[in-house]
Amino acid sequence: MSLQTLFEQAVADSKDLPERPDNMTLLKIYALFKQASCGDVEGKRPGFTDMVGRAKYDAWDGLKGTLKEEAMQQYIDLIAGLKG
């Protein structure tokens, strides 16, 4: 199976995890997904009134420079670990 196929399967699996991950893990899942799908973060950082948007932006920004393929593999590994 290709890395892209495994990534797409992990995305599908992420919607059906046995239990909801904690917020830090959810941010990691989000950031890895965005890095794998879109590459480095672009645009302005949300203002302090948008706490959720700001946290998501910061998590994604923390992966700046990570290759898409590397982000895909980390995402696949993270979801596999959460599935149990």
Protein backbone atom coordinates (compact mmCIF):
# COMPACT_ATOMS: atom_id res chain seq x y z
CA MET A 1 0.00 0.00 0.00
CA SER A 2 1.16 3.52 -0.75
CA LEU A 3 1.80 6.06 1.98
CA GLN A 4 -1.11 8.14 0.64
CA THR A 5 -3.47 5.16 0.90
CA LEU A 6 -2.31 4.39 4.45
CA PHE A 7 -2.76 8.07 5.36
CA GLU A 8 -6.30 8.13 3.95
CA GLN A 9 -7.12 4.97 5.92
CA ALA A 10 -5.72 6.55 9.11
CA VAL A 11 -7.89 9.64 8.50
CA ALA A 12 -10.94 7.38 8.23
CA ASP A 13 -9.84 5.45 11.35
CA SER A 14 -9.42 8.71 13.29
CA LYS A 15 -13.16 9.27 13.11
CA ASP A 16 -13.85 5.95 14.83
CA LEU A 17 -11.41 5.80 17.75
CA PRO A 18 -12.43 3.79 20.83
CA GLU A 19 -12.24 6.92 23.02
CA ARG A 20 -11.85 10.64 22.47
CA PRO A 21 -8.21 11.73 22.76
CA ASP A 22 -7.21 14.52 25.14
CA ASN A 23 -6.93 18.06 23.77
CA MET A 24 -3.15 17.96 23.31
CA THR A 25 -3.44 14.77 21.27
CA LEU A 26 -6.28 16.27 19.24
CA LEU A 27 -4.07 19.27 18.45
CA LYS A 28 -1.27 16.93 17.37
CA ILE A 29 -3.68 15.00 15.12
CA TYR A 30 -4.92 18.27 13.61
CA ALA A 31 -1.42 19.67 13.06
CA LEU A 32 -0.10 16.48 11.47
CA PHE A 33 -3.15 16.27 9.21
CA LYS A 34 -2.75 19.87 8.06
CA GLN A 35 1.01 19.51 7.54
CA ALA A 36 0.50 16.30 5.54
CA SER A 37 -2.34 17.79 3.50
CA CYS A 38 -1.32 21.41 3.00
CA GLY A 39 2.34 21.79 3.96
CA ASP A 40 3.61 24.63 6.12
CA VAL A 41 1.11 26.92 7.82
CA GLU A 42 0.25 30.14 6.00
CA GLY A 43 -1.65 33.25 6.94
CA LYS A 44 -1.83 35.29 10.10
CA ARG A 45 -2.00 33.83 13.57
CA PRO A 46 -5.52 34.28 15.00
CA GLY A 47 -5.98 36.93 17.66
CA PHE A 48 -6.08 36.20 21.38
CA THR A 49 -9.90 36.17 21.36
CA ASP A 50 -9.85 33.05 19.14
CA MET A 51 -8.26 30.64 21.62
CA VAL A 52 -9.06 27.46 19.66
CA GLY A 53 -7.90 28.89 16.34
CA ARG A 54 -4.74 30.16 17.96
CA ALA A 55 -3.97 26.77 19.54
CA LYS A 56 -4.53 25.02 16.20
CA TYR A 57 -2.35 27.54 14.38
CA ASP A 58 0.45 27.19 16.94
CA ALA A 59 0.32 23.38 16.80
CA TRP A 60 0.51 23.41 13.00
CA ASP A 61 3.22 26.10 13.02
CA GLY A 62 5.28 23.85 15.31
CA LEU A 63 5.62 21.39 12.42
CA LYS A 64 6.96 23.98 9.96
CA GLY A 65 9.58 22.42 7.72
CA THR A 66 8.34 18.86 8.25
CA LEU A 67 8.02 17.03 4.93
CA LYS A 68 4.50 16.03 3.93
CA GLU A 69 5.51 12.37 3.77
CA GLU A 70 7.03 12.53 7.25
CA ALA A 71 3.87 14.17 8.62
CA MET A 72 1.76 11.46 6.96
CA GLN A 73 3.82 8.72 8.59
CA GLN A 74 3.64 10.39 12.02
CA TYR A 75 -0.14 10.76 11.60
CA ILE A 76 -0.49 7.08 10.63
CA ASP A 77 1.62 6.01 13.63
CA LEU A 78 -0.31 8.26 16.05
CA ILE A 79 -3.72 6.99 14.94
CA ALA A 80 -2.50 3.38 15.03
CA GLY A 81 -1.35 3.92 18.62
CA LEU A 82 -4.72 5.43 19.58
CA LYS A 83 -6.64 2.54 18.05
CA GLY A 84 -4.96 0.25 20.53
